[in-house]
PDB file of N, CA and C in Angstrom:
ATOM      1  N   MET A   1      79.954  39.120 106.979  1.00  0.00           N
ATOM      2  CA  MET A   1      79.325  38.218 106.026  1.00  0.00           C
ATOM      3  C   MET A   1      78.122  38.924 105.399  1.00  0.00           C
ATOM      4  N   PRO A   2      77.995  38.923 104.061  1.00  0.00           N
ATOM      5  CA  PRO A   2      76.884  39.607 103.412  1.00  0.00           C
ATOM      6  C   PRO A   2      75.543  38.950 103.742  1.00  0.00           C
ATOM      7  N   SER A   3      74.502  39.780 103.736  1.00  0.00           N
ATOM      8  CA  SER A   3      73.162  39.251 103.969  1.00  0.00           C
ATOM      9  C   SER A   3      72.746  38.385 102.794  1.00  0.00           C
ATOM     10  N   GLY A   4      71.668  37.607 102.976  1.00  0.00           N
ATOM     11  CA  GLY A   4      71.161  36.756 101.899  1.00  0.00           C
ATOM     12  C   GLY A   4      70.824  37.545 100.650  1.00  0.00           C
ATOM     13  N   GLY A   5      70.275  38.750 100.822  1.00  0.00           N
ATOM     14  CA  GLY A   5      69.913  39.561  99.668  1.00  0.00           C
ATOM     15  C   GLY A   5      71.124  40.016  98.876  1.00  0.00           C
ATOM     16  N   LEU A   6      72.183  40.422  99.580  1.00  0.00           N
ATOM     17  CA  LEU A   6      73.386  40.865  98.884  1.00  0.00           C
ATOM     18  C   LEU A   6      74.087  39.694  98.201  1.00  0.00           C
ATOM     19  N   THR A   7      74.044  38.538  98.826  1.00  0.00           N
ATOM     20  CA  THR A   7      74.604  37.337  98.210  1.00  0.00           C
ATOM     21  C   THR A   7      73.846  37.005  96.935  1.00  0.00           C
ATOM     22  N   GLU A   8      72.519  37.109  96.984  1.00  0.00           N
ATOM     23  CA  GLU A   8      71.684  36.851  95.802  1.00  0.00           C
ATOM     24  C   GLU A   8      71.969  37.870  94.701  1.00  0.00           C
ATOM     25  N   LEU A   9      72.172  39.135  95.080  1.00  0.00           N
ATOM     26  CA  LEU A   9      72.476  40.169  94.088  1.00  0.00           C
ATOM     27  C   LEU A   9      73.819  39.882  93.409  1.00  0.00           C
ATOM     28  N   ALA A  10      74.807  39.495  94.181  1.00  0.00           N
ATOM     29  CA  ALA A  10      76.111  39.158  93.601  1.00  0.00           C
ATOM     30  C   ALA A  10      75.988  37.984  92.635  1.00  0.00           C
ATOM     31  N   ALA A  11      75.198  36.983  93.010  1.00  0.00           N
ATOM     32  CA  ALA A  11      74.991  35.826  92.125  1.00  0.00           C
ATOM     33  C   ALA A  11      74.258  36.241  90.853  1.00  0.00           C
ATOM     34  N   LEU A  12      73.265  37.117  90.984  1.00  0.00           N
ATOM     35  CA  LEU A  12      72.521  37.599  89.817  1.00  0.00           C
ATOM     36  C   LEU A  12      73.460  38.343  88.864  1.00  0.00           C
ATOM     37  N   ALA A  13      74.310  39.192  89.412  1.00  0.00           N
ATOM     38  CA  ALA A  13      75.243  39.964  88.586  1.00  0.00           C
ATOM     39  C   ALA A  13      76.208  39.049  87.845  1.00  0.00           C
ATOM     40  N   GLN A  14      76.551  37.919  88.445  1.00  0.00           N
ATOM     41  CA  GLN A  14      77.479  36.987  87.815  1.00  0.00           C
ATOM     42  C   GLN A  14      76.806  36.069  86.799  1.00  0.00           C
ATOM     43  N   ASP A  15      75.471  36.059  86.768  1.00  0.00           N
ATOM     44  CA  ASP A  15      74.736  35.204  85.827  1.00  0.00           C
ATOM     45  C   ASP A  15      75.002  35.579  84.379  1.00  0.00           C
ATOM     46  N   GLY A  16      75.466  36.750  84.154  1.00  0.00           N
ATOM     47  CA  GLY A  16      75.763  37.187  82.795  1.00  0.00           C
ATOM     48  C   GLY A  16      74.643  38.014  82.201  1.00  0.00           C
ATOM     49  N   GLY A  17      75.036  39.008  81.460  1.00  0.00           N
ATOM     50  CA  GLY A  17      74.063  39.843  80.759  1.00  0.00           C
ATOM     51  C   GLY A  17      73.557  41.018  81.558  1.00  0.00           C
ATOM     52  N   TRP A  18      73.749  41.032  82.873  1.00  0.00           N
ATOM     53  CA  TRP A  18      73.262  42.141  83.690  1.00  0.00           C
ATOM     54  C   TRP A  18      74.251  43.298  83.651  1.00  0.00           C
ATOM     55  N   ILE A  19      73.705  44.499  83.510  1.00  0.00           N
ATOM     56  CA  ILE A  19      74.491  45.726  83.532  1.00  0.00           C
ATOM     57  C   ILE A  19      73.936  46.596  84.651  1.00  0.00           C
ATOM     58  N   PHE A  20      74.824  47.136  85.471  1.00  0.00           N
ATOM     59  CA  PHE A  20      74.442  48.029  86.558  1.00  0.00           C
ATOM     60  C   PHE A  20      75.138  49.371  86.324  1.00  0.00           C
ATOM     61  N   PRO A  21      74.520  50.246  85.495  1.00  0.00           N
ATOM     62  CA  PRO A  21      75.178  51.517  85.165  1.00  0.00           C
ATOM     63  C   PRO A  21      75.321  52.404  86.401  1.00  0.00           C
ATOM     64  N   LEU A  22      76.464  53.034  86.524  1.00  0.00           N
ATOM     65  CA  LEU A  22      76.680  53.957  87.629  1.00  0.00           C
ATOM     66  C   LEU A  22      76.006  55.276  87.307  1.00  0.00           C
ATOM     67  N   ARG A  23      75.400  55.855  88.310  1.00  0.00           N
ATOM     68  CA  ARG A  23      74.711  57.136  88.157  1.00  0.00           C
ATOM     69  C   ARG A  23      75.472  58.199  88.912  1.00  0.00           C
ATOM     70  N   GLY A  24      75.450  59.418  88.415  1.00  0.00           N
ATOM     71  CA  GLY A  24      76.118  60.522  89.079  1.00  0.00           C
ATOM     72  C   GLY A  24      75.407  60.975  90.342  1.00  0.00           C
ATOM     73  N   ASN A  25      74.139  60.651  90.481  1.00  0.00           N
ATOM     74  CA  ASN A  25      73.336  61.084  91.613  1.00  0.00           C
ATOM     75  C   ASN A  25      73.345  59.993  92.679  1.00  0.00           C
ATOM     76  N   GLU A  26      73.948  60.269  93.827  1.00  0.00           N
ATOM     77  CA  GLU A  26      74.038  59.249  94.869  1.00  0.00           C
ATOM     78  C   GLU A  26      72.687  58.900  95.483  1.00  0.00           C
ATOM     79  N   ASP A  27      71.670  59.742  95.285  1.00  0.00           N
ATOM     80  CA  ASP A  27      70.336  59.447  95.806  1.00  0.00           C
ATOM     81  C   ASP A  27      69.534  58.542  94.876  1.00  0.00           C
ATOM     82  N   ALA A  28      70.019  58.342  93.666  1.00  0.00           N
ATOM     83  CA  ALA A  28      69.307  57.473  92.715  1.00  0.00           C
ATOM     84  C   ALA A  28      69.420  56.026  93.170  1.00  0.00           C
ATOM     85  N   PRO A  29      68.376  55.244  92.955  1.00  0.00           N
ATOM     86  CA  PRO A  29      68.460  53.830  93.332  1.00  0.00           C
ATOM     87  C   PRO A  29      69.474  53.093  92.463  1.00  0.00           C
ATOM     88  N   LEU A  30      69.950  51.963  92.971  1.00  0.00           N
ATOM     89  CA  LEU A  30      70.798  51.096  92.160  1.00  0.00           C
ATOM     90  C   LEU A  30      69.892  50.423  91.140  1.00  0.00           C
ATOM     91  N   PHE A  31      70.288  50.474  89.901  1.00  0.00           N
ATOM     92  CA  PHE A  31      69.447  49.970  88.824  1.00  0.00           C
ATOM     93  C   PHE A  31      70.242  48.984  87.989  1.00  0.00           C
ATOM     94  N   GLY A  32      69.624  47.868  87.634  1.00  0.00           N
ATOM     95  CA  GLY A  32      70.257  46.886  86.761  1.00  0.00           C
ATOM     96  C   GLY A  32      69.321  46.497  85.644  1.00  0.00           C
ATOM     97  N   VAL A  33      69.897  46.113  84.524  1.00  0.00           N
ATOM     98  CA  VAL A  33      69.095  45.725  83.365  1.00  0.00           C
ATOM     99  C   VAL A  33      69.790  44.585  82.635  1.00  0.00           C
ATOM    100  N   ARG A  34      68.973  43.678  82.119  1.00  0.00           N
ATOM    101  CA  ARG A  34      69.472  42.602  81.269  1.00  0.00           C
ATOM    102  C   ARG A  34      68.580  42.562  80.031  1.00  0.00           C
ATOM    103  N   GLU A  35      69.150  42.997  78.912  1.00  0.00           N
ATOM    104  CA  GLU A  35      68.415  42.967  77.650  1.00  0.00           C
ATOM    105  C   GLU A  35      68.670  41.633  76.983  1.00  0.00           C
ATOM    106  N   GLY A  36      67.613  41.036  76.467  1.00  0.00           N
ATOM    107  CA  GLY A  36      67.786  39.742  75.825  1.00  0.00           C
ATOM    108  C   GLY A  36      66.727  39.480  74.783  1.00  0.00           C
ATOM    109  N   GLY A  37      67.003  39.818  73.564  1.00  0.00           N
ATOM    110  CA  GLY A  37      66.062  39.511  72.488  1.00  0.00           C
ATOM    111  C   GLY A  37      64.734  40.215  72.665  1.00  0.00           C
ATOM    112  N   GLU A  38      63.688  39.431  72.813  1.00  0.00           N
ATOM    113  CA  GLU A  38      62.334  39.988  72.890  1.00  0.00           C
ATOM    114  C   GLU A  38      62.010  40.665  74.203  1.00  0.00           C
ATOM    115  N   VAL A  39      62.668  40.242  75.298  1.00  0.00           N
ATOM    116  CA  VAL A  39      62.340  40.809  76.609  1.00  0.00           C
ATOM    117  C   VAL A  39      63.570  41.377  77.293  1.00  0.00           C
ATOM    118  N   THR A  40      63.292  42.312  78.193  1.00  0.00           N
ATOM    119  CA  THR A  40      64.304  42.921  79.043  1.00  0.00           C
ATOM    120  C   THR A  40      63.842  42.755  80.479  1.00  0.00           C
ATOM    121  N   GLU A  41      64.782  42.470  81.368  1.00  0.00           N
ATOM    122  CA  GLU A  41      64.467  42.380  82.790  1.00  0.00           C
ATOM    123  C   GLU A  41      65.204  43.491  83.515  1.00  0.00           C
ATOM    124  N   THR A  42      64.553  44.058  84.533  1.00  0.00           N
ATOM    125  CA  THR A  42      65.137  45.163  85.278  1.00  0.00           C
ATOM    126  C   THR A  42      65.043  44.887  86.773  1.00  0.00           C
ATOM    127  N   ILE A  43      65.945  45.511  87.509  1.00  0.00           N
ATOM    128  CA  ILE A  43      65.884  45.503  88.970  1.00  0.00           C
ATOM    129  C   ILE A  43      66.177  46.920  89.438  1.00  0.00           C
ATOM    130  N   CYS A  44      65.376  47.408  90.341  1.00  0.00           N
ATOM    131  CA  CYS A  44      65.519  48.751  90.897  1.00  0.00           C
ATOM    132  C   CYS A  44      65.595  48.600  92.420  1.00  0.00           C
ATOM    133  N   ILE A  45      66.749  48.925  92.991  1.00  0.00           N
ATOM    134  CA  ILE A  45      66.984  48.703  94.420  1.00  0.00           C
ATOM    135  C   ILE A  45      67.056  50.050  95.128  1.00  0.00           C
ATOM    136  N   ARG A  46      66.039  50.336  95.912  1.00  0.00           N
ATOM    137  CA  ARG A  46      66.023  51.570  96.704  1.00  0.00           C
ATOM    138  C   ARG A  46      66.641  51.303  98.082  1.00  0.00           C
ATOM    139  N   SER A  47      66.421  50.125  98.612  1.00  0.00           N
ATOM    140  CA  SER A  47      67.029  49.671  99.866  1.00  0.00           C
ATOM    141  C   SER A  47      66.926  48.148  99.856  1.00  0.00           C
ATOM    142  N   GLU A  48      67.515  47.499 100.844  1.00  0.00           N
ATOM    143  CA  GLU A  48      67.457  46.039 100.877  1.00  0.00           C
ATOM    144  C   GLU A  48      66.026  45.538 101.100  1.00  0.00           C
ATOM    145  N   LYS A  49      65.153  46.418 101.574  1.00  0.00           N
ATOM    146  CA  LYS A  49      63.757  46.030 101.817  1.00  0.00           C
ATOM    147  C   LYS A  49      62.792  46.575 100.774  1.00  0.00           C
ATOM    148  N   GLU A  50      63.280  47.375  99.837  1.00  0.00           N
ATOM    149  CA  GLU A  50      62.416  47.982  98.819  1.00  0.00           C
ATOM    150  C   GLU A  50      63.046  47.809  97.435  1.00  0.00           C
ATOM    151  N   VAL A  51      62.618  46.744  96.767  1.00  0.00           N
ATOM    152  CA  VAL A  51      63.174  46.376  95.468  1.00  0.00           C
ATOM    153  C   VAL A  51      62.033  46.053  94.515  1.00  0.00           C
ATOM    154  N   ILE A  52      62.172  46.488  93.270  1.00  0.00           N
ATOM    155  CA  ILE A  52      61.202  46.159  92.237  1.00  0.00           C
ATOM    156  C   ILE A  52      61.944  45.461  91.104  1.00  0.00           C
ATOM    157  N   VAL A  53      61.426  44.309  90.701  1.00  0.00           N
ATOM    158  CA  VAL A  53      61.947  43.623  89.520  1.00  0.00           C
ATOM    159  C   VAL A  53      60.830  43.574  88.491  1.00  0.00           C
ATOM    160  N   ALA A  54      61.196  43.592  87.227  1.00  0.00           N
ATOM    161  CA  ALA A  54      60.187  43.588  86.172  1.00  0.00           C
ATOM    162  C   ALA A  54      60.726  42.901  84.923  1.00  0.00           C
ATOM    163  N   ARG A  55      59.810  42.363  84.149  1.00  0.00           N
ATOM    164  CA  ARG A  55      60.113  41.868  82.800  1.00  0.00           C
ATOM    165  C   ARG A  55      59.199  42.627  81.857  1.00  0.00           C
ATOM    166  N   LEU A  56      59.781  43.105  80.767  1.00  0.00           N
ATOM    167  CA  LEU A  56      59.000  43.843  79.795  1.00  0.00           C
ATOM    168  C   LEU A  56      59.514  43.528  78.401  1.00  0.00           C
ATOM    169  N   LEU A  57      58.709  43.845  77.439  1.00  0.00           N
ATOM    170  CA  LEU A  57      59.148  43.678  76.062  1.00  0.00           C
ATOM    171  C   LEU A  57      60.280  44.660  75.794  1.00  0.00           C
ATOM    172  N   THR A  58      61.303  44.209  75.101  1.00  0.00           N
ATOM    173  CA  THR A  58      62.436  45.073  74.799  1.00  0.00           C
ATOM    174  C   THR A  58      61.978  46.312  74.043  1.00  0.00           C
ATOM    175  N   GLU A  59      60.996  46.166  73.185  1.00  0.00           N
ATOM    176  CA  GLU A  59      60.430  47.319  72.460  1.00  0.00           C
ATOM    177  C   GLU A  59      59.924  48.376  73.442  1.00  0.00           C
ATOM    178  N   ASP A  60      59.230  47.950  74.504  1.00  0.00           N
ATOM    179  CA  ASP A  60      58.735  48.893  75.509  1.00  0.00           C
ATOM    180  C   ASP A  60      59.885  49.505  76.300  1.00  0.00           C
ATOM    181  N   TRP A  61      60.929  48.718  76.567  1.00  0.00           N
ATOM    182  CA  TRP A  61      62.114  49.236  77.259  1.00  0.00           C
ATOM    183  C   TRP A  61      62.775  50.339  76.436  1.00  0.00           C
ATOM    184  N   LEU A  62      62.952  50.089  75.147  1.00  0.00           N
ATOM    185  CA  LEU A  62      63.577  51.091  74.283  1.00  0.00           C
ATOM    186  C   LEU A  62      62.723  52.347  74.197  1.00  0.00           C
ATOM    187  N   ASN A  63      61.406  52.191  74.130  1.00  0.00           N
ATOM    188  CA  ASN A  63      60.508  53.352  74.110  1.00  0.00           C
ATOM    189  C   ASN A  63      60.563  54.117  75.424  1.00  0.00           C
ATOM    190  N   ALA A  64      60.768  53.419  76.538  1.00  0.00           N
ATOM    191  CA  ALA A  64      60.826  54.067  77.851  1.00  0.00           C
ATOM    192  C   ALA A  64      62.005  55.020  77.947  1.00  0.00           C
ATOM    193  N   GLN A  65      63.061  54.752  77.196  1.00  0.00           N
ATOM    194  CA  GLN A  65      64.229  55.623  77.210  1.00  0.00           C
ATOM    195  C   GLN A  65      63.896  56.996  76.646  1.00  0.00           C
ATOM    196  N   ARG A  66      62.827  57.067  75.873  1.00  0.00           N
ATOM    197  CA  ARG A  66      62.440  58.333  75.239  1.00  0.00           C
ATOM    198  C   ARG A  66      61.231  58.998  75.884  1.00  0.00           C
ATOM    199  N   GLY A  67      60.489  58.261  76.689  1.00  0.00           N
ATOM    200  CA  GLY A  67      59.287  58.916  77.182  1.00  0.00           C
ATOM    201  C   GLY A  67      58.582  58.245  78.339  1.00  0.00           C
ATOM    202  N   GLY A  68      59.252  57.482  79.132  1.00  0.00           N
ATOM    203  CA  GLY A  68      58.621  56.873  80.293  1.00  0.00           C
ATOM    204  C   GLY A  68      58.080  55.485  80.003  1.00  0.00           C
ATOM    205  N   LEU A  69      58.113  54.670  81.016  1.00  0.00           N
ATOM    206  CA  LEU A  69      57.688  53.282  80.889  1.00  0.00           C
ATOM    207  C   LEU A  69      56.200  53.167  81.174  1.00  0.00           C
ATOM    208  N   ARG A  70      55.454  52.587  80.236  1.00  0.00           N
ATOM    209  CA  ARG A  70      54.006  52.442  80.406  1.00  0.00           C
ATOM    210  C   ARG A  70      53.586  51.008  80.674  1.00  0.00           C
ATOM    211  N   TRP A  71      54.298  50.027  80.101  1.00  0.00           N
ATOM    212  CA  TRP A  71      53.844  48.641  80.145  1.00  0.00           C
ATOM    213  C   TRP A  71      54.948  47.692  80.596  1.00  0.00           C
ATOM    214  N   VAL A  72      54.563  46.667  81.328  1.00  0.00           N
ATOM    215  CA  VAL A  72      55.456  45.562  81.670  1.00  0.00           C
ATOM    216  C   VAL A  72      54.686  44.267  81.453  1.00  0.00           C
ATOM    217  N   LEU A  73      55.391  43.177  81.392  1.00  0.00           N
ATOM    218  CA  LEU A  73      54.745  41.863  81.320  1.00  0.00           C
ATOM    219  C   LEU A  73      54.522  41.298  82.721  1.00  0.00           C
ATOM    220  N   TRP A  74      55.400  41.692  83.643  1.00  0.00           N
ATOM    221  CA  TRP A  74      55.356  41.168  85.007  1.00  0.00           C
ATOM    222  C   TRP A  74      56.186  42.076  85.891  1.00  0.00           C
ATOM    223  N   HIS A  75      55.813  42.182  87.173  1.00  0.00           N
ATOM    224  CA  HIS A  75      56.648  42.900  88.140  1.00  0.00           C
ATOM    225  C   HIS A  75      56.381  42.348  89.533  1.00  0.00           C
ATOM    226  N   PHE A  76      57.344  42.575  90.405  1.00  0.00           N
ATOM    227  CA  PHE A  76      57.247  42.142  91.798  1.00  0.00           C
ATOM    228  C   PHE A  76      57.960  43.167  92.653  1.00  0.00           C
ATOM    229  N   THR A  77      57.383  43.484  93.803  1.00  0.00           N
ATOM    230  CA  THR A  77      57.994  44.398  94.764  1.00  0.00           C
ATOM    231  C   THR A  77      58.152  43.678  96.090  1.00  0.00           C
ATOM    232  N   GLY A  78      59.334  43.786  96.685  1.00  0.00           N
ATOM    233  CA  GLY A  78      59.583  43.155  97.979  1.00  0.00           C
ATOM    234  C   GLY A  78      61.009  43.389  98.417  1.00  0.00           C
ATOM    235  N   SER A  79      61.483  42.535  99.312  1.00  0.00           N
ATOM    236  CA  SER A  79      62.869  42.638  99.769  1.00  0.00           C
ATOM    237  C   SER A  79      63.808  42.212  98.640  1.00  0.00           C
ATOM    238  N   LEU A  80      65.075  42.508  98.803  1.00  0.00           N
ATOM    239  CA  LEU A  80      66.064  42.148  97.790  1.00  0.00           C
ATOM    240  C   LEU A  80      66.081  40.640  97.554  1.00  0.00           C
ATOM    241  N   ALA A  81      66.147  39.864  98.619  1.00  0.00           N
ATOM    242  CA  ALA A  81      66.192  38.403  98.471  1.00  0.00           C
ATOM    243  C   ALA A  81      64.907  37.879  97.823  1.00  0.00           C
ATOM    244  N   ASP A  82      63.755  38.372  98.263  1.00  0.00           N
ATOM    245  CA  ASP A  82      62.487  37.900  97.700  1.00  0.00           C
ATOM    246  C   ASP A  82      62.339  38.289  96.231  1.00  0.00           C
ATOM    247  N   ALA A  83      62.720  39.521  95.900  1.00  0.00           N
ATOM    248  CA  ALA A  83      62.578  39.987  94.514  1.00  0.00           C
ATOM    249  C   ALA A  83      63.463  39.176  93.564  1.00  0.00           C
ATOM    250  N   ILE A  84      64.690  38.934  93.965  1.00  0.00           N
ATOM    251  CA  ILE A  84      65.575  38.136  93.115  1.00  0.00           C
ATOM    252  C   ILE A  84      65.068  36.702  93.030  1.00  0.00           C
ATOM    253  N   GLY A  85      64.567  36.179  94.137  1.00  0.00           N
ATOM    254  CA  GLY A  85      63.988  34.830  94.120  1.00  0.00           C
ATOM    255  C   GLY A  85      62.821  34.724  93.155  1.00  0.00           C
ATOM    256  N   GLU A  86      61.931  35.713  93.157  1.00  0.00           N
ATOM    257  CA  GLU A  86      60.788  35.713  92.236  1.00  0.00           C
ATOM    258  C   GLU A  86      61.255  35.818  90.784  1.00  0.00           C
ATOM    259  N   LEU A  87      62.242  36.660  90.547  1.00  0.00           N
ATOM    260  CA  LEU A  87      62.776  36.819  89.193  1.00  0.00           C
ATOM    261  C   LEU A  87      63.384  35.504  88.694  1.00  0.00           C
ATOM    262  N   ARG A  88      64.100  34.821  89.567  1.00  0.00           N
ATOM    263  CA  ARG A  88      64.747  33.560  89.186  1.00  0.00           C
ATOM    264  C   ARG A  88      63.737  32.444  88.900  1.00  0.00           C
ATOM    265  N   THR A  89      62.573  32.477  89.544  1.00  0.00           N
ATOM    266  CA  THR A  89      61.576  31.430  89.322  1.00  0.00           C
ATOM    267  C   THR A  89      60.621  31.754  88.176  1.00  0.00           C
ATOM    268  N   LEU A  90      60.752  32.939  87.612  1.00  0.00           N
ATOM    269  CA  LEU A  90      59.900  33.327  86.486  1.00  0.00           C
ATOM    270  C   LEU A  90      60.220  32.446  85.278  1.00  0.00           C
ATOM    271  N   PRO A  91      59.199  31.833  84.671  1.00  0.00           N
ATOM    272  CA  PRO A  91      59.471  30.987  83.499  1.00  0.00           C
ATOM    273  C   PRO A  91      60.107  31.800  82.365  1.00  0.00           C
ATOM    274  N   PRO A  92      60.966  31.186  81.568  1.00  0.00           N
ATOM    275  CA  PRO A  92      61.574  31.895  80.441  1.00  0.00           C
ATOM    276  C   PRO A  92      60.501  32.446  79.502  1.00  0.00           C
ATOM    277  N   HIS A  93      60.813  33.566  78.885  1.00  0.00           N
ATOM    278  CA  HIS A  93      59.881  34.167  77.936  1.00  0.00           C
ATOM    279  C   HIS A  93      59.544  33.149  76.846  1.00  0.00           C
ATOM    280  N   GLY A  94      58.279  33.014  76.557  1.00  0.00           N
ATOM    281  CA  GLY A  94      57.828  32.072  75.539  1.00  0.00           C
ATOM    282  C   GLY A  94      57.411  30.728  76.105  1.00  0.00           C
ATOM    283  N   ALA A  95      57.781  30.431  77.355  1.00  0.00           N
ATOM    284  CA  ALA A  95      57.357  29.184  77.992  1.00  0.00           C
ATOM    285  C   ALA A  95      55.852  29.248  78.258  1.00  0.00           C
ATOM    286  N   PRO A  96      55.192  28.092  78.344  1.00  0.00           N
ATOM    287  CA  PRO A  96      53.732  28.088  78.508  1.00  0.00           C
ATOM    288  C   PRO A  96      53.216  28.942  79.669  1.00  0.00           C
ATOM    289  N   LYS A  97      53.896  28.978  80.804  1.00  0.00           N
ATOM    290  CA  LYS A  97      53.381  29.731  81.953  1.00  0.00           C
ATOM    291  C   LYS A  97      54.036  31.108  82.120  1.00  0.00           C
ATOM    292  N   ALA A  98      54.832  31.526  81.152  1.00  0.00           N
ATOM    293  CA  ALA A  98      55.468  32.851  81.224  1.00  0.00           C
ATOM    294  C   ALA A  98      54.436  33.939  80.960  1.00  0.00           C
ATOM    295  N   PRO A  99      54.554  35.081  81.645  1.00  0.00           N
ATOM    296  CA  PRO A  99      53.623  36.185  81.385  1.00  0.00           C
ATOM    297  C   PRO A  99      53.763  36.695  79.954  1.00  0.00           C
ATOM    298  N   ARG A 100      52.609  36.928  79.316  1.00  0.00           N
ATOM    299  CA  ARG A 100      52.608  37.367  77.916  1.00  0.00           C
ATOM    300  C   ARG A 100      51.834  38.659  77.685  1.00  0.00           C
ATOM    301  N   LEU A 101      50.927  38.989  78.590  1.00  0.00           N
ATOM    302  CA  LEU A 101      50.076  40.167  78.401  1.00  0.00           C
ATOM    303  C   LEU A 101      50.690  41.386  79.078  1.00  0.00           C
ATOM    304  N   ARG A 102      50.648  42.502  78.378  1.00  0.00           N
ATOM    305  CA  ARG A 102      51.136  43.750  78.954  1.00  0.00           C
ATOM    306  C   ARG A 102      50.182  44.223  80.046  1.00  0.00           C
ATOM    307  N   ILE A 103      50.778  44.694  81.135  1.00  0.00           N
ATOM    308  CA  ILE A 103      50.017  45.312  82.220  1.00  0.00           C
ATOM    309  C   ILE A 103      50.663  46.667  82.508  1.00  0.00           C
ATOM    310  N   ALA A 104      49.932  47.519  83.189  1.00  0.00           N
ATOM    311  CA  ALA A 104      50.465  48.851  83.497  1.00  0.00           C
ATOM    312  C   ALA A 104      51.713  48.732  84.364  1.00  0.00           C
ATOM    313  N   ALA A 105      52.713  49.514  84.028  1.00  0.00           N
ATOM    314  CA  ALA A 105      53.956  49.531  84.812  1.00  0.00           C
ATOM    315  C   ALA A 105      53.690  50.196  86.154  1.00  0.00           C
ATOM    316  N   PRO A 106      54.281  49.686  87.228  1.00  0.00           N
ATOM    317  CA  PRO A 106      54.100  50.348  88.522  1.00  0.00           C
ATOM    318  C   PRO A 106      54.749  51.732  88.490  1.00  0.00           C
ATOM    319  N   SER A 107      54.104  52.696  89.109  1.00  0.00           N
ATOM    320  CA  SER A 107      54.593  54.074  89.054  1.00  0.00           C
ATOM    321  C   SER A 107      55.947  54.226  89.730  1.00  0.00           C
ATOM    322  N   GLN A 108      56.260  53.371  90.692  1.00  0.00           N
ATOM    323  CA  GLN A 108      57.533  53.491  91.396  1.00  0.00           C
ATOM    324  C   GLN A 108      58.692  52.799  90.686  1.00  0.00           C
ATOM    325  N   LEU A 109      58.449  52.185  89.540  1.00  0.00           N
ATOM    326  CA  LEU A 109      59.525  51.548  88.778  1.00  0.00           C
ATOM    327  C   LEU A 109      60.354  52.625  88.120  1.00  0.00           C
ATOM    328  N   TRP A 110      61.598  52.699  88.488  1.00  0.00           N
ATOM    329  CA  TRP A 110      62.512  53.743  88.030  1.00  0.00           C
ATOM    330  C   TRP A 110      63.268  53.250  86.816  1.00  0.00           C
ATOM    331  N   THR A 111      63.363  54.078  85.807  1.00  0.00           N
ATOM    332  CA  THR A 111      64.188  53.747  84.647  1.00  0.00           C
ATOM    333  C   THR A 111      65.127  54.913  84.390  1.00  0.00           C
ATOM    334  N   PRO A 112      66.339  54.628  84.011  1.00  0.00           N
ATOM    335  CA  PRO A 112      67.261  55.734  83.727  1.00  0.00           C
ATOM    336  C   PRO A 112      66.825  56.468  82.466  1.00  0.00           C
ATOM    337  N   GLU A 113      67.145  57.749  82.416  1.00  0.00           N
ATOM    338  CA  GLU A 113      66.763  58.550  81.253  1.00  0.00           C
ATOM    339  C   GLU A 113      67.554  58.169  80.007  1.00  0.00           C
ATOM    340  N   THR A 114      68.750  57.670  80.225  1.00  0.00           N
ATOM    341  CA  THR A 114      69.563  57.229  79.097  1.00  0.00           C
ATOM    342  C   THR A 114      70.137  55.868  79.414  1.00  0.00           C
ATOM    343  N   ARG A 115      70.442  55.117  78.371  1.00  0.00           N
ATOM    344  CA  ARG A 115      71.000  53.783  78.569  1.00  0.00           C
ATOM    345  C   ARG A 115      72.474  53.836  78.760  1.00  0.00           C
TER     346      ARG A 115
END
């Protein structure tokens, strides 16, 4: 039986819009992205206990493909289940309590070099 975190990941993948590109390097973390209009959400899974989720402006996501990610609107680091839980409770972009100000991207947030 899958752990709670893996069950949550499967549910997230089925929510629609998420892409988990395969990487040729087996040491690379599992990475997922959901682009949606003004914002993009990402998940970077290094292990079931080390996961980073983030929301950023799509403009910043596209720029990161060319030169590294500098800004995010929000991020959380924790276990797989906790990170997905935090992402799911994040208010939709544009909602009154949704994060709107850019903050420095965490240095451990991994982004693929190409989309």
